[in-house]
Amino acid sequence: MASPLIHENIWFEKPKYEAAERQYYEKLSKMDGIAAMAGSNVELVNRINSLEKENATLHKVVDDLKNLVISLDSRVKSLEGGKPSSVSTAKTPAKAPAKEQDDDDDDGVDLFGSDSEEESEEAAKVREQRLAAYAAKKSKKPALIAKSNIILSVSPWDDETDMKKMEQCVRSIEMDGLVWGASKLVPLAYGIHKLHISCVVEDDKVSVDLLQEKIQDFEDYVQSVDIAAFNKV
């Protein structure tokens, strides 16, 4: 009797094929990773090689510069070779007078002391003359005079006060060290104006209080006197 499984299409080897296929793809993926790592290693090696070349080039440039500096130094020394010796030879004879002076000291005669004393006396005279000239020049300078710039505010009694006459009275005051300046009328209220007048006074000669009293003596015109501004000149 024939087996009933003869005509059945059953793939009994499928698990083997699947396992083989899986192993194939696993090996293939490992090969891709190795290839990628190999590619990155190649790039790194190329970078290292380029850096080594640049380093070698820099070393060569530095060596060339060193050689150039050495050649320039030797050139300068060859051009200026005779000057140090001339300077040294010029300095060495300067010690000869010292020996002669020592010999003279041994003899008890100071040939150079008199010259130095004369020079010191002449230098002292010149210094005294210069100091005297400076003192005379300084004494001729005029002493600074302390001055003040003052603006006085003079108030009248009412709007009928003759302001021009009041200003004339104020300007008629004369004192040593007093100089009158500009003036103007400043409105107050109800048609009343007050007089602002400037003056420059020498602080040592003019008393501001005395000046205010003199202005207030014109009592027919002046009601009060105030200081609107006070500045040192």
C-alpha atoms as a PDB file:
ATOM      1  CA  MET A   1       0.000   0.000   0.000  1.00  0.00           C
ATOM      2  CA  ALA A   2       1.484   3.325  -1.019  1.00  0.00           C
ATOM      3  CA  SER A   3       2.205   5.900   1.691  1.00  0.00           C
ATOM      4  CA  PRO A   4      -0.311   8.754   1.772  1.00  0.00           C
ATOM      5  CA  LEU A   5       2.538  11.265   2.259  1.00  0.00           C
ATOM      6  CA  ILE A   6       4.101  10.629  -1.143  1.00  0.00           C
ATOM      7  CA  HIS A   7       1.982  13.256  -2.865  1.00  0.00           C
ATOM      8  CA  GLU A   8       2.290  15.863  -0.069  1.00  0.00           C
ATOM      9  CA  ASN A   9       4.487  18.948  -0.789  1.00  0.00           C
ATOM     10  CA  ILE A  10       6.160  19.340   2.610  1.00  0.00           C
ATOM     11  CA  TRP A  11       9.582  21.146   2.882  1.00  0.00           C
ATOM     12  CA  PHE A  12      11.314  19.359   5.678  1.00  0.00           C
ATOM     13  CA  GLU A  13      14.675  21.127   5.044  1.00  0.00           C
ATOM     14  CA  LYS A  14      13.311  24.687   5.504  1.00  0.00           C
ATOM     15  CA  PRO A  15      14.815  25.201   8.989  1.00  0.00           C
ATOM     16  CA  LYS A  16      18.256  24.284   7.659  1.00  0.00           C
ATOM     17  CA  TYR A  17      17.955  26.763   4.798  1.00  0.00           C
ATOM     18  CA  GLU A  18      16.740  29.497   7.118  1.00  0.00           C
ATOM     19  CA  ALA A  19      19.636  28.873   9.494  1.00  0.00           C
ATOM     20  CA  ALA A  20      22.099  28.969   6.610  1.00  0.00           C
ATOM     21  CA  GLU A  21      20.558  32.193   5.281  1.00  0.00           C
ATOM     22  CA  ARG A  22      20.735  33.804   8.716  1.00  0.00           C
ATOM     23  CA  GLN A  23      24.373  32.848   9.110  1.00  0.00           C
ATOM     24  CA  TYR A  24      25.103  34.296   5.672  1.00  0.00           C
ATOM     25  CA  TYR A  25      23.557  37.667   6.462  1.00  0.00           C
ATOM     26  CA  GLU A  26      25.282  37.768   9.847  1.00  0.00           C
ATOM     27  CA  LYS A  27      28.647  37.218   8.200  1.00  0.00           C
ATOM     28  CA  LEU A  28      27.760  39.820   5.572  1.00  0.00           C
ATOM     29  CA  SER A  29      26.921  42.431   8.242  1.00  0.00           C
ATOM     30  CA  LYS A  30      30.202  41.700  10.043  1.00  0.00           C
ATOM     31  CA  MET A  31      32.093  42.207   6.788  1.00  0.00           C
ATOM     32  CA  ASP A  32      30.366  45.606   6.303  1.00  0.00           C
ATOM     33  CA  GLY A  33      31.452  46.700   9.793  1.00  0.00           C
ATOM     34  CA  ILE A  34      35.007  45.606   9.138  1.00  0.00           C
ATOM     35  CA  ALA A  35      35.006  47.497   5.839  1.00  0.00           C
ATOM     36  CA  ALA A  36      33.690  50.642   7.540  1.00  0.00           C
ATOM     37  CA  MET A  37      36.351  50.416  10.225  1.00  0.00           C
ATOM     38  CA  ALA A  38      38.979  49.879   7.583  1.00  0.00           C
ATOM     39  CA  GLY A  39      37.758  52.974   5.715  1.00  0.00           C
ATOM     40  CA  SER A  40      37.921  55.132   8.868  1.00  0.00           C
ATOM     41  CA  ASN A  41      41.384  53.804   9.662  1.00  0.00           C
ATOM     42  CA  VAL A  42      42.540  54.738   6.185  1.00  0.00           C
ATOM     43  CA  GLU A  43      41.225  58.294   6.641  1.00  0.00           C
ATOM     44  CA  LEU A  44      42.981  58.561   9.996  1.00  0.00           C
ATOM     45  CA  VAL A  45      46.235  57.297   8.519  1.00  0.00           C
ATOM     46  CA  ASN A  46      46.000  59.829   5.703  1.00  0.00           C
ATOM     47  CA  ARG A  47      45.418  62.624   8.212  1.00  0.00           C
ATOM     48  CA  ILE A  48      48.419  61.542  10.271  1.00  0.00           C
ATOM     49  CA  ASN A  49      50.580  61.420   7.164  1.00  0.00           C
ATOM     50  CA  SER A  50      49.537  64.948   6.163  1.00  0.00           C
ATOM     51  CA  LEU A  51      50.293  66.241   9.667  1.00  0.00           C
ATOM     52  CA  GLU A  52      53.696  64.605   9.604  1.00  0.00           C
ATOM     53  CA  LYS A  53      54.415  66.270   6.268  1.00  0.00           C
ATOM     54  CA  GLU A  54      53.348  69.668   7.624  1.00  0.00           C
ATOM     55  CA  ASN A  55      55.497  69.126  10.706  1.00  0.00           C
ATOM     56  CA  ALA A  56      58.481  68.272   8.569  1.00  0.00           C
ATOM     57  CA  THR A  57      57.898  71.396   6.473  1.00  0.00           C
ATOM     58  CA  LEU A  58      57.732  73.574   9.594  1.00  0.00           C
ATOM     59  CA  HIS A  59      60.925  72.036  10.913  1.00  0.00           C
ATOM     60  CA  LYS A  60      62.617  72.849   7.637  1.00  0.00           C
ATOM     61  CA  VAL A  61      61.395  76.458   7.759  1.00  0.00           C
ATOM     62  CA  VAL A  62      62.642  76.835  11.343  1.00  0.00           C
ATOM     63  CA  ASP A  63      66.015  75.406  10.415  1.00  0.00           C
ATOM     64  CA  ASP A  64      66.259  77.812   7.481  1.00  0.00           C
ATOM     65  CA  LEU A  65      65.435  80.749   9.755  1.00  0.00           C
ATOM     66  CA  LYS A  66      68.045  79.639  12.276  1.00  0.00           C
ATOM     67  CA  ASN A  67      70.649  79.415   9.549  1.00  0.00           C
ATOM     68  CA  LEU A  68      69.659  82.863   8.276  1.00  0.00           C
ATOM     69  CA  VAL A  69      69.969  84.387  11.752  1.00  0.00           C
ATOM     70  CA  ILE A  70      73.346  82.761  12.256  1.00  0.00           C
ATOM     71  CA  SER A  71      74.583  84.067   8.912  1.00  0.00           C
ATOM     72  CA  LEU A  72      73.301  87.576   9.674  1.00  0.00           C
ATOM     73  CA  ASP A  73      74.917  87.502  13.099  1.00  0.00           C
ATOM     74  CA  SER A  74      78.242  86.464  11.643  1.00  0.00           C
ATOM     75  CA  ARG A  75      77.886  89.171   8.982  1.00  0.00           C
ATOM     76  CA  VAL A  76      77.245  91.862  11.599  1.00  0.00           C
ATOM     77  CA  LYS A  77      80.168  90.674  13.687  1.00  0.00           C
ATOM     78  CA  SER A  78      82.438  90.731  10.656  1.00  0.00           C
ATOM     79  CA  LEU A  79      81.336  94.286   9.782  1.00  0.00           C
ATOM     80  CA  GLU A  80      81.658  95.624  13.339  1.00  0.00           C
ATOM     81  CA  GLY A  81      84.566  93.502  14.402  1.00  0.00           C
ATOM     82  CA  GLY A  82      87.066  96.388  14.712  1.00  0.00           C
ATOM     83  CA  LYS A  83      84.909  98.760  16.795  1.00  0.00           C
ATOM     84  CA  PRO A  84      84.982  97.039  20.220  1.00  0.00           C
ATOM     85  CA  SER A  85      88.750  96.849  20.169  1.00  0.00           C
ATOM     86  CA  SER A  86      89.000 100.573  19.379  1.00  0.00           C
ATOM     87  CA  VAL A  87      86.666 101.387  22.245  1.00  0.00           C
ATOM     88  CA  SER A  88      88.642  99.255  24.642  1.00  0.00           C
ATOM     89  CA  THR A  89      91.903 100.828  23.524  1.00  0.00           C
ATOM     90  CA  ALA A  90      90.381 104.267  23.953  1.00  0.00           C
ATOM     91  CA  LYS A  91      89.318 103.486  27.492  1.00  0.00           C
ATOM     92  CA  THR A  92      92.563 101.940  28.713  1.00  0.00           C
ATOM     93  CA  PRO A  93      94.819 105.041  28.410  1.00  0.00           C
ATOM     94  CA  ALA A  94      92.420 106.925  30.690  1.00  0.00           C
ATOM     95  CA  LYS A  95      94.029 105.145  33.637  1.00  0.00           C
ATOM     96  CA  ALA A  96      97.413 106.722  32.969  1.00  0.00           C
ATOM     97  CA  PRO A  97      96.652 110.094  34.642  1.00  0.00           C
ATOM     98  CA  ALA A  98      95.656 108.204  37.770  1.00  0.00           C
ATOM     99  CA  LYS A  99      99.129 106.720  37.983  1.00  0.00           C
ATOM    100  CA  GLU A 100     100.666 110.124  37.416  1.00  0.00           C
ATOM    101  CA  GLN A 101      98.414 111.534  40.108  1.00  0.00           C
ATOM    102  CA  ASP A 102      99.523 108.770  42.447  1.00  0.00           C
ATOM    103  CA  ASP A 103     103.115 109.675  41.704  1.00  0.00           C
ATOM    104  CA  ASP A 104     102.353 113.311  42.390  1.00  0.00           C
ATOM    105  CA  ASP A 105     100.645 112.378  45.640  1.00  0.00           C
ATOM    106  CA  ASP A 106     103.773 110.572  46.607  1.00  0.00           C
ATOM    107  CA  ASP A 107     105.689 113.796  46.014  1.00  0.00           C
ATOM    108  CA  GLY A 108     103.247 115.693  48.252  1.00  0.00           C
ATOM    109  CA  VAL A 109     102.085 118.083  45.474  1.00  0.00           C
ATOM    110  CA  ASP A 110      98.432 118.081  44.358  1.00  0.00           C
ATOM    111  CA  LEU A 111      98.392 119.380  40.808  1.00  0.00           C
ATOM    112  CA  PHE A 112      94.714 118.669  40.220  1.00  0.00           C
ATOM    113  CA  GLY A 113      93.266 119.810  43.518  1.00  0.00           C
ATOM    114  CA  SER A 114      93.580 123.523  42.748  1.00  0.00           C
ATOM    115  CA  ASP A 115      91.750 123.160  39.453  1.00  0.00           C
ATOM    116  CA  SER A 116      88.883 121.305  41.106  1.00  0.00           C
ATOM    117  CA  GLU A 117      88.687 123.941  43.851  1.00  0.00           C
ATOM    118  CA  GLU A 118      88.642 126.736  41.284  1.00  0.00           C
ATOM    119  CA  GLU A 119      85.954 124.947  39.306  1.00  0.00           C
ATOM    120  CA  SER A 120      83.857 124.408  42.426  1.00  0.00           C
ATOM    121  CA  GLU A 121      84.204 128.090  43.362  1.00  0.00           C
ATOM    122  CA  GLU A 122      83.203 129.148  39.851  1.00  0.00           C
ATOM    123  CA  ALA A 123      80.259 126.749  39.901  1.00  0.00           C
ATOM    124  CA  ALA A 124      79.155 128.148  43.259  1.00  0.00           C
ATOM    125  CA  LYS A 125      79.375 131.705  41.915  1.00  0.00           C
ATOM    126  CA  VAL A 126      77.354 130.770  38.830  1.00  0.00           C
ATOM    127  CA  ARG A 127      74.753 129.056  40.986  1.00  0.00           C
ATOM    128  CA  GLU A 128      74.480 132.075  43.279  1.00  0.00           C
ATOM    129  CA  GLN A 129      74.113 134.388  40.288  1.00  0.00           C
ATOM    130  CA  ARG A 130      71.357 132.238  38.844  1.00  0.00           C
ATOM    131  CA  LEU A 131      69.548 132.090  42.178  1.00  0.00           C
ATOM    132  CA  ALA A 132      69.796 135.860  42.545  1.00  0.00           C
ATOM    133  CA  ALA A 133      68.488 136.391  39.007  1.00  0.00           C
ATOM    134  CA  TYR A 134      65.601 134.000  39.643  1.00  0.00           C
ATOM    135  CA  ALA A 135      64.723 135.745  42.912  1.00  0.00           C
ATOM    136  CA  ALA A 136      64.810 139.148  41.207  1.00  0.00           C
ATOM    137  CA  LYS A 137      62.637 137.883  38.363  1.00  0.00           C
ATOM    138  CA  LYS A 138      60.175 136.376  40.796  1.00  0.00           C
ATOM    139  CA  SER A 139      60.004 139.565  42.854  1.00  0.00           C
ATOM    140  CA  LYS A 140      59.167 141.589  39.740  1.00  0.00           C
ATOM    141  CA  LYS A 141      56.072 139.515  39.043  1.00  0.00           C
ATOM    142  CA  PRO A 142      52.934 141.356  40.162  1.00  0.00           C
ATOM    143  CA  ALA A 143      51.189 139.794  43.108  1.00  0.00           C
ATOM    144  CA  LEU A 144      47.828 138.257  42.407  1.00  0.00           C
ATOM    145  CA  ILE A 145      45.003 140.530  43.544  1.00  0.00           C
ATOM    146  CA  ALA A 146      41.933 138.810  44.915  1.00  0.00           C
ATOM    147  CA  LYS A 147      38.844 140.182  43.194  1.00  0.00           C
ATOM    148  CA  SER A 148      35.140 139.411  43.284  1.00  0.00           C
ATOM    149  CA  ASN A 149      32.399 139.908  40.720  1.00  0.00           C
ATOM    150  CA  ILE A 150      29.186 141.002  42.450  1.00  0.00           C
ATOM    151  CA  ILE A 151      25.675 141.613  41.103  1.00  0.00           C
ATOM    152  CA  LEU A 152      23.691 143.914  43.389  1.00  0.00           C
ATOM    153  CA  SER A 153      19.895 143.940  43.415  1.00  0.00           C
ATOM    154  CA  VAL A 154      18.630 147.443  44.299  1.00  0.00           C
ATOM    155  CA  SER A 155      14.888 147.688  45.013  1.00  0.00           C
ATOM    156  CA  PRO A 156      12.960 151.012  44.784  1.00  0.00           C
ATOM    157  CA  TRP A 157      10.079 152.163  46.959  1.00  0.00           C
ATOM    158  CA  ASP A 158       7.359 152.035  44.331  1.00  0.00           C
ATOM    159  CA  ASP A 159       6.627 152.243  40.624  1.00  0.00           C
ATOM    160  CA  GLU A 160       6.988 156.027  40.659  1.00  0.00           C
ATOM    161  CA  THR A 161      10.681 155.917  41.596  1.00  0.00           C
ATOM    162  CA  ASP A 162      12.957 157.353  38.913  1.00  0.00           C
ATOM    163  CA  MET A 163      15.080 154.304  38.095  1.00  0.00           C
ATOM    164  CA  LYS A 164      17.529 156.238  35.910  1.00  0.00           C
ATOM    165  CA  LYS A 165      18.181 158.679  38.715  1.00  0.00           C
ATOM    166  CA  MET A 166      18.601 155.804  41.151  1.00  0.00           C
ATOM    167  CA  GLU A 167      21.182 154.167  38.865  1.00  0.00           C
ATOM    168  CA  GLN A 168      23.045 157.475  38.562  1.00  0.00           C
ATOM    169  CA  CYS A 169      23.164 157.718  42.332  1.00  0.00           C
ATOM    170  CA  VAL A 170      24.509 154.187  42.635  1.00  0.00           C
ATOM    171  CA  ARG A 171      27.184 154.747  39.992  1.00  0.00           C
ATOM    172  CA  SER A 172      28.223 157.983  41.697  1.00  0.00           C
ATOM    173  CA  ILE A 173      29.738 155.931  44.507  1.00  0.00           C
ATOM    174  CA  GLU A 174      33.516 155.815  44.034  1.00  0.00           C
ATOM    175  CA  MET A 175      35.863 153.639  46.063  1.00  0.00           C
ATOM    176  CA  ASP A 176      39.439 152.501  45.548  1.00  0.00           C
ATOM    177  CA  GLY A 177      39.214 149.022  44.011  1.00  0.00           C
ATOM    178  CA  LEU A 178      35.594 149.402  42.814  1.00  0.00           C
ATOM    179  CA  VAL A 179      34.647 149.197  39.119  1.00  0.00           C
ATOM    180  CA  TRP A 180      30.999 149.400  38.042  1.00  0.00           C
ATOM    181  CA  GLY A 181      29.772 147.199  35.201  1.00  0.00           C
ATOM    182  CA  ALA A 182      26.597 146.582  33.233  1.00  0.00           C
ATOM    183  CA  SER A 183      23.104 147.031  34.610  1.00  0.00           C
ATOM    184  CA  LYS A 184      19.524 146.131  33.717  1.00  0.00           C
ATOM    185  CA  LEU A 185      15.998 146.548  35.051  1.00  0.00           C
ATOM    186  CA  VAL A 186      14.263 143.394  36.237  1.00  0.00           C
ATOM    187  CA  PRO A 187      10.450 143.496  36.519  1.00  0.00           C
ATOM    188  CA  LEU A 188       8.897 142.612  39.855  1.00  0.00           C
ATOM    189  CA  ALA A 189       5.128 143.225  39.959  1.00  0.00           C
ATOM    190  CA  TYR A 190       2.560 145.975  39.488  1.00  0.00           C
ATOM    191  CA  GLY A 191       4.884 147.874  37.179  1.00  0.00           C
ATOM    192  CA  ILE A 192       7.713 147.944  39.728  1.00  0.00           C
ATOM    193  CA  HIS A 193      11.246 147.168  38.533  1.00  0.00           C
ATOM    194  CA  LYS A 194      14.432 146.568  40.472  1.00  0.00           C
ATOM    195  CA  LEU A 195      17.938 147.467  39.355  1.00  0.00           C
ATOM    196  CA  HIS A 196      20.519 144.729  38.813  1.00  0.00           C
ATOM    197  CA  ILE A 197      23.986 146.253  38.533  1.00  0.00           C
ATOM    198  CA  SER A 198      27.300 144.419  38.404  1.00  0.00           C
ATOM    199  CA  CYS A 199      30.627 145.510  39.826  1.00  0.00           C
ATOM    200  CA  VAL A 200      34.133 144.156  40.357  1.00  0.00           C
ATOM    201  CA  VAL A 201      35.761 144.833  43.717  1.00  0.00           C
ATOM    202  CA  GLU A 202      39.196 144.147  45.155  1.00  0.00           C
ATOM    203  CA  ASP A 203      38.644 142.093  48.270  1.00  0.00           C
ATOM    204  CA  ASP A 204      41.409 143.800  50.257  1.00  0.00           C
ATOM    205  CA  LYS A 205      40.188 147.322  49.482  1.00  0.00           C
ATOM    206  CA  VAL A 206      36.394 147.242  49.225  1.00  0.00           C
ATOM    207  CA  SER A 207      33.997 146.062  51.911  1.00  0.00           C
ATOM    208  CA  VAL A 208      30.749 144.772  50.453  1.00  0.00           C
ATOM    209  CA  ASP A 209      28.840 145.743  53.591  1.00  0.00           C
ATOM    210  CA  LEU A 210      30.161 149.297  53.378  1.00  0.00           C
ATOM    211  CA  LEU A 211      29.189 149.446  49.704  1.00  0.00           C
ATOM    212  CA  GLN A 212      25.641 148.354  50.536  1.00  0.00           C
ATOM    213  CA  GLU A 213      25.413 151.002  53.247  1.00  0.00           C
ATOM    214  CA  LYS A 214      26.534 153.714  50.820  1.00  0.00           C
ATOM    215  CA  ILE A 215      23.841 152.653  48.342  1.00  0.00           C
ATOM    216  CA  GLN A 216      21.170 152.630  51.037  1.00  0.00           C
ATOM    217  CA  ASP A 217      22.140 156.190  51.953  1.00  0.00           C
ATOM    218  CA  PHE A 218      20.150 157.227  48.862  1.00  0.00           C
ATOM    219  CA  GLU A 219      17.003 156.599  50.865  1.00  0.00           C
ATOM    220  CA  ASP A 220      14.818 158.730  48.598  1.00  0.00           C
ATOM    221  CA  TYR A 221      15.218 156.118  45.854  1.00  0.00           C
ATOM    222  CA  VAL A 222      16.514 152.932  47.475  1.00  0.00           C
ATOM    223  CA  GLN A 223      14.391 150.718  49.673  1.00  0.00           C
ATOM    224  CA  SER A 224      16.837 147.775  50.023  1.00  0.00           C
ATOM    225  CA  VAL A 225      20.047 146.334  48.580  1.00  0.00           C
ATOM    226  CA  ASP A 226      20.686 142.600  48.227  1.00  0.00           C
ATOM    227  CA  ILE A 227      23.456 140.514  46.669  1.00  0.00           C
ATOM    228  CA  ALA A 228      22.039 138.618  43.686  1.00  0.00           C
ATOM    229  CA  ALA A 229      25.308 136.879  42.727  1.00  0.00           C
ATOM    230  CA  PHE A 230      28.826 136.682  44.127  1.00  0.00           C
ATOM    231  CA  ASN A 231      31.751 135.077  42.267  1.00  0.00           C
ATOM    232  CA  LYS A 232      35.489 135.129  42.778  1.00  0.00           C
ATOM    233  CA  VAL A 233      37.479 136.391  39.805  1.00  0.00           C
END
